[in-house]
C-alpha cells in the first residue's frame, strides 16, 4: 500500500505524491484532561482517524498537531494549552508549507472543539491571501441521536467531557493507558446555582447562556456524563462511523473547486 502519512515519506516520495494534488488532511487534537481515568493525549485519535481516511481515499495525512486551545482545562495537571495567536501562526505556517507546492485541497480534521474558532480564522486568512477555500470536519460531532442509540442503547445517553466518546475511544485504541480503577462518577455540573452543559454554557430558564469558567469550577474531577457507558465495542463503532463519513466527504471535497477565481468584492447574482 502506498504511504499515506507525510511523516513516513521521503522528499522524493512527497514530490511524487504532490503531483496528484491530493486532499491534505490536517489533523488536530489537544493535550487536556479527560477525567481521572482517560489519558490526556486526545490528539492520538485525530491521527488514527486521519490515517484511516487517507488509506481509504488516497489523501495524505499531515503530522498531527497535538496541542490545541484548552485554556479552561489548565487547572488540571497534564493539560497543555497554546495561546490562540500561537495556534493561529502554527496553522498558517503549516498551510503555507503545502500551498507553496500548489496543493489546494486542505482539510482540517478537528478532534477538539476548542480549536474550531481558530481554524476558521486561519481559513478566512487563506481565502484572503491565497484565494483558497478550505474545509473542516469535526468527527465527534457526528454522534447523532440515532447513532447514540446504536452505541449506548439510548439516544439521550449522558455522554460528555471526561466520559464518552473519549472513554470508549481510549479503550478501543490505547487500552493500556486507561485507568479504570481511577474512574469516578460525574458530580452534578453547576455553578452559582445554575446547571452547566460545558465550562462556558449554562442553562437558565430553559435557554443557553454563556458564563466563562474554568472546568474545575463546574466539575471538580473533570467529568461530565456517565463514564461507565464507555466500552471497547463502542470505541470501535465510533471510529468506524467517523472514518466512513469522513472518507465520503474527502471524496466529495476532492471534486470541489477550491480556488477562488472571482476578483475580491461582492459576487454578482446571476439572473435565471
Protein backbone atom coordinates (compact mmCIF):
# COMPACT_ATOMS: atom_id res chain seq x y z
CA UNK A 1 0.00 0.00 0.00
CA UNK A 2 1.37 3.48 -0.85
CA UNK A 3 2.41 5.63 2.06
CA UNK A 4 -0.35 7.99 3.17
CA UNK A 5 1.36 9.67 6.15
CA UNK A 6 3.61 12.55 5.18
CA UNK A 7 5.96 11.86 8.09
CA UNK A 8 6.87 8.48 6.58
CA UNK A 9 7.65 9.82 3.10
CA UNK A 10 11.00 10.88 1.72
CA UNK A 11 11.01 14.22 -0.03
CA UNK A 12 11.11 12.44 -3.37
CA UNK A 13 8.03 10.44 -2.40
CA UNK A 14 6.30 13.62 -1.24
CA UNK A 15 7.16 15.29 -4.54
CA UNK A 16 5.60 12.42 -6.46
CA UNK A 17 2.50 12.37 -4.25
CA UNK A 18 2.02 16.14 -4.53
CA UNK A 19 1.87 15.92 -8.34
CA UNK A 20 -1.57 14.32 -7.96
CA UNK A 21 -2.81 17.30 -5.93
CA UNK A 22 -4.32 15.09 -3.21
CA UNK A 23 -6.51 16.24 -0.38
CA UNK A 24 -4.23 17.14 2.52
CA UNK A 25 -5.63 16.13 5.89
CA UNK A 26 -4.51 18.38 8.75
CA UNK A 27 -5.44 16.58 11.98
CA UNK A 28 -5.64 18.49 15.25
CA UNK A 29 -6.42 17.48 18.78
CA UNK A 30 -5.32 18.57 22.21
CA UNK A 31 -3.49 17.56 25.35
CA UNK A 32 -6.05 18.07 28.08
CA UNK A 33 -7.74 16.31 30.96
CA UNK A 34 -10.49 13.77 30.23
CA UNK A 35 -11.36 12.74 33.75
CA UNK A 36 -9.19 10.77 36.18
CA UNK A 37 -9.14 7.59 34.09
CA UNK A 38 -8.63 8.62 30.43
CA UNK A 39 -5.22 9.74 29.05
CA UNK A 40 -4.75 13.41 28.22
CA UNK A 41 -3.48 12.96 24.65
CA UNK A 42 -6.68 13.03 22.63
CA UNK A 43 -4.73 14.14 19.55
CA UNK A 44 -3.88 10.46 19.04
CA UNK A 45 -7.45 9.77 17.94
CA UNK A 46 -7.19 12.55 15.35
CA UNK A 47 -4.09 10.82 13.98
CA UNK A 48 -5.91 7.48 13.79
CA UNK A 49 -8.92 8.98 12.02
CA UNK A 50 -6.79 10.90 9.52
CA UNK A 51 -4.63 7.88 8.69
CA UNK A 52 -7.61 5.58 8.16
CA UNK A 53 -9.37 8.13 5.97
CA UNK A 54 -6.20 8.64 3.94
CA UNK A 55 -5.85 4.89 3.43
CA UNK A 56 -9.36 4.76 2.01
CA UNK A 57 -9.23 7.83 -0.19
CA UNK A 58 -5.68 8.49 -1.36
CA UNK A 59 -5.47 11.66 0.70
CA UNK A 60 -2.26 12.49 2.57
CA UNK A 61 -2.32 12.77 6.35
CA UNK A 62 -0.09 15.56 7.61
CA UNK A 63 1.56 15.15 11.02
CA UNK A 64 -0.96 15.69 13.78
CA UNK A 65 -0.88 18.95 15.71
CA UNK A 66 -1.02 17.65 19.29
CA UNK A 67 -1.57 20.93 21.11
CA UNK A 68 -4.73 22.96 20.98
CA UNK A 69 -6.54 25.77 22.74
CA UNK A 70 -7.58 24.25 26.07
CA UNK A 71 -7.18 27.18 28.44
CA UNK A 72 -10.26 26.25 30.51
CA UNK A 73 -8.70 22.87 31.40
CA UNK A 74 -5.38 24.27 32.65
CA UNK A 75 -6.22 23.83 36.35
CA UNK A 76 -5.89 20.06 35.75
CA UNK A 77 -2.31 18.70 35.71
CA UNK A 78 -1.24 17.38 32.32
CA UNK A 79 -3.18 19.91 30.26
CA UNK A 80 -1.01 21.85 27.79
CA UNK A 81 -2.71 24.75 26.03
CA UNK A 82 -1.47 27.05 23.29
CA UNK A 83 -2.42 30.70 23.16
CA UNK A 84 -4.84 31.42 20.30
CA UNK A 85 -2.27 33.53 18.48
CA UNK A 86 0.33 30.74 18.77
CA UNK A 87 -2.01 28.13 17.31
CA UNK A 88 -3.07 30.56 14.59
CA UNK A 89 0.50 31.16 13.47
CA UNK A 90 1.32 27.46 13.66
CA UNK A 91 -1.59 26.50 11.40
CA UNK A 92 -0.85 29.34 8.99
CA UNK A 93 2.73 28.16 8.61
CA UNK A 94 1.64 24.55 8.08
CA UNK A 95 -0.84 25.57 5.39
CA UNK A 96 1.79 27.72 3.68
CA UNK A 97 4.06 24.68 3.60
CA UNK A 98 1.53 22.92 1.38
CA UNK A 99 0.19 25.78 -0.75
CA UNK A 100 3.69 26.72 -1.91
CA UNK A 101 3.70 23.45 -3.85
CA UNK A 102 0.36 24.18 -5.49
CA UNK A 103 -1.72 21.98 -3.21
CA UNK A 104 -5.17 23.49 -2.97
CA UNK A 105 -7.38 20.98 -1.12
CA UNK A 106 -6.64 21.47 2.58
CA UNK A 107 -8.99 19.77 5.02
CA UNK A 108 -8.69 20.18 8.78
CA UNK A 109 -9.61 17.13 10.85
CA UNK A 110 -10.54 18.79 14.13
CA UNK A 111 -10.95 16.47 17.11
CA UNK A 112 -11.08 19.23 19.72
CA UNK A 113 -13.95 21.72 19.62
CA UNK A 114 -11.87 24.47 21.22
CA UNK A 115 -9.74 24.66 18.08
CA UNK A 116 -12.64 25.41 15.74
CA UNK A 117 -12.77 29.22 16.09
CA UNK A 118 -9.02 29.42 15.46
CA UNK A 119 -9.24 27.14 12.44
CA UNK A 120 -11.91 29.41 10.98
CA UNK A 121 -9.63 32.43 11.44
CA UNK A 122 -6.89 30.60 9.54
CA UNK A 123 -9.35 29.52 6.84
CA UNK A 124 -10.53 33.12 6.39
CA UNK A 125 -6.93 34.25 6.04
CA UNK A 126 -6.32 31.62 3.35
CA UNK A 127 -9.30 32.98 1.43
CA UNK A 128 -7.83 36.46 1.63
CA UNK A 129 -4.15 35.71 0.98
CA UNK A 130 -4.30 32.61 -1.22
CA UNK A 131 -7.82 32.87 -2.72
CA UNK A 132 -8.40 29.37 -1.45
CA UNK A 133 -11.41 27.62 0.03
CA UNK A 134 -10.68 25.15 2.84
CA UNK A 135 -12.89 22.94 4.99
CA UNK A 136 -13.03 21.27 8.39
CA UNK A 137 -14.57 18.04 9.62
CA UNK A 138 -15.37 17.57 13.31
CA UNK A 139 -15.72 13.80 13.80
CA UNK A 140 -17.08 13.76 17.35
CA UNK A 141 -19.96 16.00 16.26
CA UNK A 142 -21.27 13.11 14.17
CA UNK A 143 -22.67 11.20 17.12
CA UNK A 144 -26.29 11.73 16.14
CA UNK A 145 -29.17 10.61 18.39
CA UNK A 146 -29.72 7.57 16.15
CA UNK A 147 -26.06 6.60 16.36
CA UNK A 148 -26.01 7.10 20.13
CA UNK A 149 -28.93 4.71 20.33
CA UNK A 150 -26.89 2.16 18.38
CA UNK A 151 -23.81 2.55 20.58
CA UNK A 152 -25.33 3.15 24.01
CA UNK A 153 -28.88 1.88 23.63
CA UNK A 154 -30.29 5.35 24.30
CA UNK A 155 -30.31 8.39 22.03
CA UNK A 156 -30.17 10.59 25.14
CA UNK A 157 -27.26 8.73 26.72
CA UNK A 158 -25.45 11.02 29.18
CA UNK A 159 -22.11 11.41 27.43
CA UNK A 160 -19.80 14.37 27.87
CA UNK A 161 -16.30 15.54 28.61
CA UNK A 162 -14.48 13.10 30.86
CA UNK A 163 -16.76 10.25 29.83
CA UNK A 164 -17.63 9.47 26.21
CA UNK A 165 -16.74 9.41 23.40
CA UNK A 166 -13.15 9.72 24.65
CA UNK A 167 -13.53 6.89 27.16
CA UNK A 168 -14.59 4.41 24.51
CA UNK A 169 -12.01 5.68 22.04
CA UNK A 170 -9.26 5.19 24.61
CA UNK A 171 -10.45 1.69 25.47
CA UNK A 172 -10.51 0.69 21.81
CA UNK A 173 -7.25 2.38 20.79
CA UNK A 174 -4.97 2.55 23.83
CA UNK A 175 -6.38 0.17 26.45
CA UNK A 176 -3.06 0.01 28.27
CA UNK A 177 -3.36 3.72 29.09
CA UNK A 178 -6.86 3.61 30.58
CA UNK A 179 -7.09 3.57 34.39
CA UNK A 180 -10.47 2.01 35.09
CA UNK A 181 -9.51 1.85 38.76
CA UNK A 182 -9.49 5.66 38.85
CA UNK A 183 -12.88 6.10 37.19
CA UNK A 184 -15.15 8.46 39.12
CA UNK A 185 -18.80 9.37 38.71
CA UNK A 186 -19.60 12.84 37.46
CA UNK A 187 -20.79 15.38 40.01
CA UNK A 188 -23.83 17.44 39.08
CA UNK A 189 -22.24 20.14 36.89
CA UNK A 190 -23.16 23.60 38.01
CA UNK A 191 -22.00 26.95 39.36
CA UNK A 192 -23.83 29.60 41.31
CA UNK A 193 -26.98 27.52 41.42
CA UNK A 194 -27.13 27.23 37.62
CA UNK A 195 -26.66 23.91 35.74
CA UNK A 196 -23.87 23.85 33.15
CA UNK A 197 -23.51 21.85 29.93
CA UNK A 198 -19.86 22.82 29.37
CA UNK A 199 -17.41 25.13 31.11
CA UNK A 200 -18.93 28.10 29.30
CA UNK A 201 -22.55 27.16 28.51
CA UNK A 202 -25.20 27.08 31.22
CA UNK A 203 -28.94 26.54 31.11
CA UNK A 204 -31.13 29.28 32.56
CA UNK A 205 -34.91 29.32 32.28
CA UNK A 206 -34.60 26.57 29.68
CA UNK A 207 -32.29 28.53 27.37
CA UNK A 208 -28.49 28.58 26.99
CA UNK A 209 -26.42 31.41 28.43
CA UNK A 210 -22.65 31.86 28.34
CA UNK A 211 -20.61 32.20 31.51
CA UNK A 212 -16.87 31.75 31.04
CA UNK A 213 -15.47 29.48 33.74
CA UNK A 214 -12.62 27.03 34.13
CA UNK A 215 -13.70 23.41 34.02
CA UNK A 216 -12.83 22.71 37.65
CA UNK A 217 -15.38 25.35 38.68
CA UNK A 218 -18.09 23.25 37.03
CA UNK A 219 -16.91 19.73 37.89
CA UNK A 220 -14.02 19.17 40.29
CA UNK A 221 -12.93 15.81 38.85
CA UNK A 222 -13.25 16.89 35.21
CA UNK A 223 -16.10 14.51 34.42
CA UNK A 224 -19.42 15.17 32.75
CA UNK A 225 -21.75 12.39 31.66
CA UNK A 226 -21.55 8.75 32.69
CA UNK A 227 -18.06 7.23 32.23
CA UNK A 228 -19.46 3.73 32.82
CA UNK A 229 -21.00 3.88 29.34
CA UNK A 230 -17.54 3.53 27.78
CA UNK A 231 -16.60 0.27 26.08
CA UNK A 232 -14.15 -1.19 23.59
CA UNK A 233 -17.01 -2.09 21.25
CA UNK A 234 -18.39 1.44 21.45
CA UNK A 235 -15.00 2.91 20.60
CA UNK A 236 -14.66 0.70 17.55
CA UNK A 237 -18.13 1.63 16.34
CA UNK A 238 -17.39 5.32 16.77
CA UNK A 239 -14.12 5.09 14.86
CA UNK A 240 -15.68 3.07 12.05
CA UNK A 241 -18.52 5.57 11.70
CA UNK A 242 -16.38 8.70 11.58
CA UNK A 243 -13.93 7.11 9.15
CA UNK A 244 -16.79 6.10 6.86
CA UNK A 245 -18.40 9.55 6.86
CA UNK A 246 -15.06 11.33 6.72
CA UNK A 247 -13.97 9.27 3.72
CA UNK A 248 -17.15 10.13 1.86
CA UNK A 249 -16.63 13.82 2.49
CA UNK A 250 -12.98 13.69 1.42
CA UNK A 251 -14.04 12.26 -1.93
CA UNK A 252 -16.68 14.98 -2.24
CA UNK A 253 -14.23 17.69 -1.22
CA UNK A 254 -11.65 16.45 -3.74
CA UNK A 255 -14.14 17.26 -6.50
CA UNK A 256 -14.97 20.72 -5.18
CA UNK A 257 -13.43 23.83 -6.77
CA UNK A 258 -11.28 25.36 -4.05
CA UNK A 259 -9.52 28.12 -5.96
CA UNK A 260 -11.47 31.37 -5.89
CA UNK A 261 -11.37 32.83 -9.38
CA UNK A 262 -13.66 35.82 -8.82
CA UNK A 263 -11.97 39.13 -8.01
CA UNK A 264 -12.39 40.35 -4.42
CA UNK A 265 -15.71 42.03 -3.80
CA UNK A 266 -19.39 41.05 -3.89
CA UNK A 267 -20.13 38.35 -6.42
CA UNK A 268 -22.88 39.34 -8.81
CA UNK A 269 -26.07 37.31 -8.55
CA UNK A 270 -26.74 35.72 -11.91
CA UNK A 271 -30.30 36.11 -13.10
CA UNK A 272 -32.21 32.99 -14.14
